[in-house]
Amino acid sequence: MAAEAQAAIDPGKIYFPALSKLRDSRAVFREAMRLYPPVPMYVREAACHTRFRGRKVRKGAQVILSPWHLHRHERLWENPDGFDPDRFNTPKGKECLRSAYIPFSAGPRVCPGSAFAMAEGPLLLSLLVRAYRFERVEGCDPVPEAQLTVRARDGIRLRITPRHSQETAQ
């Protein structure tokens, strides 16, 4: 990702034209959002009588949708608990991206900032890995915790060191 960012981002210029060149960063960001969606579940109200998985759902019933579980469903995703940014390049991954990937909800109640987040996230990630190397601190693996949003229970501890220009070219 650092080499991609080095090649795509021209320092001192507007960064948004670089977005289309940040394929690795976008894939990593997408995969992180699949495994750790910002909101782990949503409550929605059924707009009409329907059936869902063989059960009657009456109009007005409260339905819980869980991106956390949907994004880890073994029938949908290959290696659902693994971190694989390349998964969206496979036919199954592309299908899941269209039908089972909802880190910001979907439809009329989709997060109004979702498009901005999907542009800003990979761009900021690229700028960070272009400038710094990130290493996890041994024994300090983050433990996800669902409150209103997903976060690390005890925070995330990383060792951050500046990159040198020769290093990003590797």
C-alpha atoms as a PDB file:
ATOM      1  CA  MET A   1       0.000   0.000   0.000  1.00  0.00           C
ATOM      2  CA  ALA A   2       2.853   2.383   0.765  1.00  0.00           C
ATOM      3  CA  ALA A   3       4.327   1.969  -2.722  1.00  0.00           C
ATOM      4  CA  GLU A   4       0.882   2.425  -4.285  1.00  0.00           C
ATOM      5  CA  ALA A   5       0.346   5.614  -2.278  1.00  0.00           C
ATOM      6  CA  GLN A   6       3.815   6.895  -3.153  1.00  0.00           C
ATOM      7  CA  ALA A   7       3.078   6.432  -6.864  1.00  0.00           C
ATOM      8  CA  ALA A   8      -0.503   7.745  -6.815  1.00  0.00           C
ATOM      9  CA  ILE A   9      -0.351  10.748  -4.491  1.00  0.00           C
ATOM     10  CA  ASP A  10       1.481  13.880  -5.504  1.00  0.00           C
ATOM     11  CA  PRO A  11       2.324  15.829  -2.312  1.00  0.00           C
ATOM     12  CA  GLY A  12       1.028  19.377  -2.213  1.00  0.00           C
ATOM     13  CA  LYS A  13      -1.789  18.735  -4.704  1.00  0.00           C
ATOM     14  CA  ILE A  14      -5.447  17.905  -4.342  1.00  0.00           C
ATOM     15  CA  TYR A  15      -5.643  14.227  -3.420  1.00  0.00           C
ATOM     16  CA  PHE A  16      -9.087  13.194  -4.704  1.00  0.00           C
ATOM     17  CA  PRO A  17      -7.924  12.557  -8.299  1.00  0.00           C
ATOM     18  CA  ALA A  18      -5.650   9.856  -6.841  1.00  0.00           C
ATOM     19  CA  LEU A  19      -8.615   7.834  -5.510  1.00  0.00           C
ATOM     20  CA  SER A  20      -9.005   5.733  -8.648  1.00  0.00           C
ATOM     21  CA  LYS A  21      -5.335   4.707  -8.398  1.00  0.00           C
ATOM     22  CA  LEU A  22      -5.589   3.529  -4.771  1.00  0.00           C
ATOM     23  CA  ARG A  23      -6.926   0.030  -5.464  1.00  0.00           C
ATOM     24  CA  ASP A  24      -4.977  -1.733  -2.692  1.00  0.00           C
ATOM     25  CA  SER A  25      -5.903   0.899  -0.117  1.00  0.00           C
ATOM     26  CA  ARG A  26      -9.569   0.714  -1.118  1.00  0.00           C
ATOM     27  CA  ALA A  27      -9.511  -3.096  -0.867  1.00  0.00           C
ATOM     28  CA  VAL A  28      -7.878  -3.002   2.584  1.00  0.00           C
ATOM     29  CA  PHE A  29     -10.344  -0.366   3.801  1.00  0.00           C
ATOM     30  CA  ARG A  30     -13.319  -2.319   2.413  1.00  0.00           C
ATOM     31  CA  GLU A  31     -12.137  -5.513   4.075  1.00  0.00           C
ATOM     32  CA  ALA A  32     -11.624  -3.721   7.409  1.00  0.00           C
ATOM     33  CA  MET A  33     -15.187  -2.364   7.142  1.00  0.00           C
ATOM     34  CA  ARG A  34     -16.456  -5.880   6.366  1.00  0.00           C
ATOM     35  CA  LEU A  35     -14.873  -7.328   9.492  1.00  0.00           C
ATOM     36  CA  TYR A  36     -15.485  -4.302  11.711  1.00  0.00           C
ATOM     37  CA  PRO A  37     -18.569  -2.417  10.482  1.00  0.00           C
ATOM     38  CA  PRO A  38     -19.003   0.870  12.352  1.00  0.00           C
ATOM     39  CA  VAL A  39     -22.457  -0.092  13.621  1.00  0.00           C
ATOM     40  CA  PRO A  40     -22.802  -3.827  14.375  1.00  0.00           C
ATOM     41  CA  MET A  41     -26.608  -3.974  14.110  1.00  0.00           C
ATOM     42  CA  TYR A  42     -29.597  -1.912  13.008  1.00  0.00           C
ATOM     43  CA  VAL A  43     -33.230  -2.059  13.999  1.00  0.00           C
ATOM     44  CA  ARG A  44     -35.700  -1.570  11.163  1.00  0.00           C
ATOM     45  CA  GLU A  45     -39.488  -1.647  10.996  1.00  0.00           C
ATOM     46  CA  ALA A  46     -41.194  -3.928   8.461  1.00  0.00           C
ATOM     47  CA  ALA A  47     -43.076  -1.749   5.974  1.00  0.00           C
ATOM     48  CA  CYS A  48     -45.485  -4.556   5.014  1.00  0.00           C
ATOM     49  CA  HIS A  49     -46.436  -8.135   5.861  1.00  0.00           C
ATOM     50  CA  THR A  50     -43.818 -10.533   4.497  1.00  0.00           C
ATOM     51  CA  ARG A  51     -42.016 -13.805   5.110  1.00  0.00           C
ATOM     52  CA  PHE A  52     -38.375 -13.990   6.046  1.00  0.00           C
ATOM     53  CA  ARG A  53     -36.539 -17.326   6.264  1.00  0.00           C
ATOM     54  CA  GLY A  54     -39.830 -19.174   6.592  1.00  0.00           C
ATOM     55  CA  ARG A  55     -41.231 -16.908   9.296  1.00  0.00           C
ATOM     56  CA  LYS A  56     -44.090 -14.454   9.120  1.00  0.00           C
ATOM     57  CA  VAL A  57     -43.110 -10.851   9.672  1.00  0.00           C
ATOM     58  CA  ARG A  58     -46.049  -8.547  10.251  1.00  0.00           C
ATOM     59  CA  LYS A  59     -46.160  -4.939   9.179  1.00  0.00           C
ATOM     60  CA  GLY A  60     -44.652  -2.746  11.900  1.00  0.00           C
ATOM     61  CA  ALA A  61     -42.562  -5.560  13.421  1.00  0.00           C
ATOM     62  CA  GLN A  62     -39.074  -4.635  14.588  1.00  0.00           C
ATOM     63  CA  VAL A  63     -36.370  -6.482  12.634  1.00  0.00           C
ATOM     64  CA  ILE A  64     -32.711  -6.538  13.619  1.00  0.00           C
ATOM     65  CA  LEU A  65     -30.147  -6.536  10.818  1.00  0.00           C
ATOM     66  CA  SER A  66     -26.564  -7.337  11.762  1.00  0.00           C
ATOM     67  CA  PRO A  67     -23.761  -6.419   9.368  1.00  0.00           C
ATOM     68  CA  TRP A  68     -21.383  -7.970  11.918  1.00  0.00           C
ATOM     69  CA  HIS A  69     -22.977 -11.396  11.409  1.00  0.00           C
ATOM     70  CA  LEU A  70     -23.876 -10.999   7.737  1.00  0.00           C
ATOM     71  CA  HIS A  71     -20.277 -10.100   6.889  1.00  0.00           C
ATOM     72  CA  ARG A  72     -19.101 -13.306   8.616  1.00  0.00           C
ATOM     73  CA  HIS A  73     -21.735 -15.686   7.252  1.00  0.00           C
ATOM     74  CA  GLU A  74     -20.056 -18.932   6.160  1.00  0.00           C
ATOM     75  CA  ARG A  75     -22.524 -19.588   3.343  1.00  0.00           C
ATOM     76  CA  LEU A  76     -21.778 -16.203   1.782  1.00  0.00           C
ATOM     77  CA  TRP A  77     -18.104 -15.500   2.345  1.00  0.00           C
ATOM     78  CA  GLU A  78     -15.061 -17.682   1.771  1.00  0.00           C
ATOM     79  CA  ASN A  79     -12.908 -17.690   4.928  1.00  0.00           C
ATOM     80  CA  PRO A  80     -15.323 -15.221   6.577  1.00  0.00           C
ATOM     81  CA  ASP A  81     -13.183 -14.497   9.648  1.00  0.00           C
ATOM     82  CA  GLY A  82      -9.960 -14.027   7.687  1.00  0.00           C
ATOM     83  CA  PHE A  83      -8.614 -10.668   6.556  1.00  0.00           C
ATOM     84  CA  ASP A  84      -8.379 -10.916   2.748  1.00  0.00           C
ATOM     85  CA  PRO A  85      -8.448  -7.616   0.832  1.00  0.00           C
ATOM     86  CA  ASP A  86      -8.361  -9.546  -2.477  1.00  0.00           C
ATOM     87  CA  ARG A  87     -11.693 -11.287  -1.772  1.00  0.00           C
ATOM     88  CA  PHE A  88     -13.646  -8.614  -3.649  1.00  0.00           C
ATOM     89  CA  ASN A  89     -11.768  -9.470  -6.867  1.00  0.00           C
ATOM     90  CA  THR A  90     -13.300 -12.969  -6.989  1.00  0.00           C
ATOM     91  CA  PRO A  91     -16.723 -13.670  -8.566  1.00  0.00           C
ATOM     92  CA  LYS A  92     -18.139 -14.679  -5.154  1.00  0.00           C
ATOM     93  CA  GLY A  93     -16.602 -11.600  -3.506  1.00  0.00           C
ATOM     94  CA  LYS A  94     -18.068  -9.287  -6.162  1.00  0.00           C
ATOM     95  CA  GLU A  95     -21.506 -10.852  -5.665  1.00  0.00           C
ATOM     96  CA  CYS A  96     -21.257 -10.457  -1.875  1.00  0.00           C
ATOM     97  CA  LEU A  97     -20.152  -6.845  -2.323  1.00  0.00           C
ATOM     98  CA  ARG A  98     -23.447  -6.201  -4.166  1.00  0.00           C
ATOM     99  CA  SER A  99     -25.772  -8.324  -2.016  1.00  0.00           C
ATOM    100  CA  ALA A 100     -24.260  -8.897   1.451  1.00  0.00           C
ATOM    101  CA  TYR A 101     -21.961  -5.966   2.228  1.00  0.00           C
ATOM    102  CA  ILE A 102     -23.712  -3.323   4.331  1.00  0.00           C
ATOM    103  CA  PRO A 103     -21.215  -1.576   6.640  1.00  0.00           C
ATOM    104  CA  PHE A 104     -23.288   1.625   6.373  1.00  0.00           C
ATOM    105  CA  SER A 105     -26.747  -0.029   6.114  1.00  0.00           C
ATOM    106  CA  ALA A 106     -28.568   0.073   2.768  1.00  0.00           C
ATOM    107  CA  GLY A 107     -31.591   1.455   0.965  1.00  0.00           C
ATOM    108  CA  PRO A 108     -33.419   4.571   2.117  1.00  0.00           C
ATOM    109  CA  ARG A 109     -31.771   4.440   5.570  1.00  0.00           C
ATOM    110  CA  VAL A 110     -28.176   4.176   4.321  1.00  0.00           C
ATOM    111  CA  CYS A 111     -25.724   6.416   6.160  1.00  0.00           C
ATOM    112  CA  PRO A 112     -25.657   9.778   4.361  1.00  0.00           C
ATOM    113  CA  GLY A 113     -21.880   9.913   4.790  1.00  0.00           C
ATOM    114  CA  SER A 114     -21.159   6.461   3.331  1.00  0.00           C
ATOM    115  CA  ALA A 115     -19.878   7.666  -0.060  1.00  0.00           C
ATOM    116  CA  PHE A 116     -17.666  10.240   1.633  1.00  0.00           C
ATOM    117  CA  ALA A 117     -16.331   7.615   4.074  1.00  0.00           C
ATOM    118  CA  MET A 118     -15.522   5.223   1.221  1.00  0.00           C
ATOM    119  CA  ALA A 119     -13.521   7.991  -0.460  1.00  0.00           C
ATOM    120  CA  GLU A 120     -11.967   9.545   2.623  1.00  0.00           C
ATOM    121  CA  GLY A 121     -11.081   6.249   4.352  1.00  0.00           C
ATOM    122  CA  PRO A 122      -8.810   4.784   1.651  1.00  0.00           C
ATOM    123  CA  LEU A 123      -7.283   8.191   0.990  1.00  0.00           C
ATOM    124  CA  LEU A 124      -6.396   8.795   4.644  1.00  0.00           C
ATOM    125  CA  LEU A 125      -5.155   5.224   4.970  1.00  0.00           C
ATOM    126  CA  SER A 126      -2.896   5.800   1.944  1.00  0.00           C
ATOM    127  CA  LEU A 127      -1.548   9.062   3.290  1.00  0.00           C
ATOM    128  CA  LEU A 128      -0.772   7.420   6.634  1.00  0.00           C
ATOM    129  CA  VAL A 129       0.979   4.325   5.258  1.00  0.00           C
ATOM    130  CA  ARG A 130       2.845   6.506   2.770  1.00  0.00           C
ATOM    131  CA  ALA A 131       4.387   8.454   5.637  1.00  0.00           C
ATOM    132  CA  TYR A 132       4.578   5.890   8.457  1.00  0.00           C
ATOM    133  CA  ARG A 133       5.161   2.208   9.137  1.00  0.00           C
ATOM    134  CA  PHE A 134       2.676   0.612  11.555  1.00  0.00           C
ATOM    135  CA  GLU A 135       3.478  -2.445  13.670  1.00  0.00           C
ATOM    136  CA  ARG A 136       1.333  -4.085  16.287  1.00  0.00           C
ATOM    137  CA  VAL A 137       2.628  -4.128  19.816  1.00  0.00           C
ATOM    138  CA  GLU A 138       3.096  -7.741  20.972  1.00  0.00           C
ATOM    139  CA  GLY A 139       0.544  -8.830  23.531  1.00  0.00           C
ATOM    140  CA  CYS A 140      -1.756  -5.887  22.801  1.00  0.00           C
ATOM    141  CA  ASP A 141      -4.145  -7.334  20.223  1.00  0.00           C
ATOM    142  CA  PRO A 142      -7.328  -5.253  20.074  1.00  0.00           C
ATOM    143  CA  VAL A 143     -10.534  -6.927  21.245  1.00  0.00           C
ATOM    144  CA  PRO A 144     -13.598  -5.614  19.394  1.00  0.00           C
ATOM    145  CA  GLU A 145     -16.503  -4.521  21.533  1.00  0.00           C
ATOM    146  CA  ALA A 146     -19.957  -3.499  20.357  1.00  0.00           C
ATOM    147  CA  GLN A 147     -21.459  -0.505  22.069  1.00  0.00           C
ATOM    148  CA  LEU A 148     -23.399   1.888  19.855  1.00  0.00           C
ATOM    149  CA  THR A 149     -20.452   1.512  17.499  1.00  0.00           C
ATOM    150  CA  VAL A 150     -17.696  -1.093  17.204  1.00  0.00           C
ATOM    151  CA  ARG A 151     -14.475  -0.151  18.969  1.00  0.00           C
ATOM    152  CA  ALA A 152     -11.489  -1.811  20.601  1.00  0.00           C
ATOM    153  CA  ARG A 153     -12.259  -2.549  24.251  1.00  0.00           C
ATOM    154  CA  ASP A 154      -8.870  -1.358  25.539  1.00  0.00           C
ATOM    155  CA  GLY A 155      -7.833   0.776  22.582  1.00  0.00           C
ATOM    156  CA  ILE A 156      -5.409  -0.080  19.792  1.00  0.00           C
ATOM    157  CA  ARG A 157      -1.702   0.027  20.503  1.00  0.00           C
ATOM    158  CA  LEU A 158       0.657   0.369  17.560  1.00  0.00           C
ATOM    159  CA  ARG A 159       4.298   1.213  17.082  1.00  0.00           C
ATOM    160  CA  ILE A 160       4.526   4.018  14.521  1.00  0.00           C
ATOM    161  CA  THR A 161       7.765   4.987  12.815  1.00  0.00           C
ATOM    162  CA  PRO A 162       8.347   7.432   9.973  1.00  0.00           C
ATOM    163  CA  ARG A 163       9.120   5.934   6.568  1.00  0.00           C
ATOM    164  CA  HIS A 164      12.086   7.054   4.548  1.00  0.00           C
ATOM    165  CA  SER A 165      11.541   7.846   0.872  1.00  0.00           C
ATOM    166  CA  GLN A 166      13.616   4.807  -0.251  1.00  0.00           C
ATOM    167  CA  GLU A 167      11.469   2.510   1.907  1.00  0.00           C
ATOM    168  CA  THR A 168       8.168   3.386   0.176  1.00  0.00           C
ATOM    169  CA  ALA A 169       9.653   2.543  -3.202  1.00  0.00           C
ATOM    170  CA  GLN A 170      10.172  -1.115  -2.136  1.00  0.00           C
END
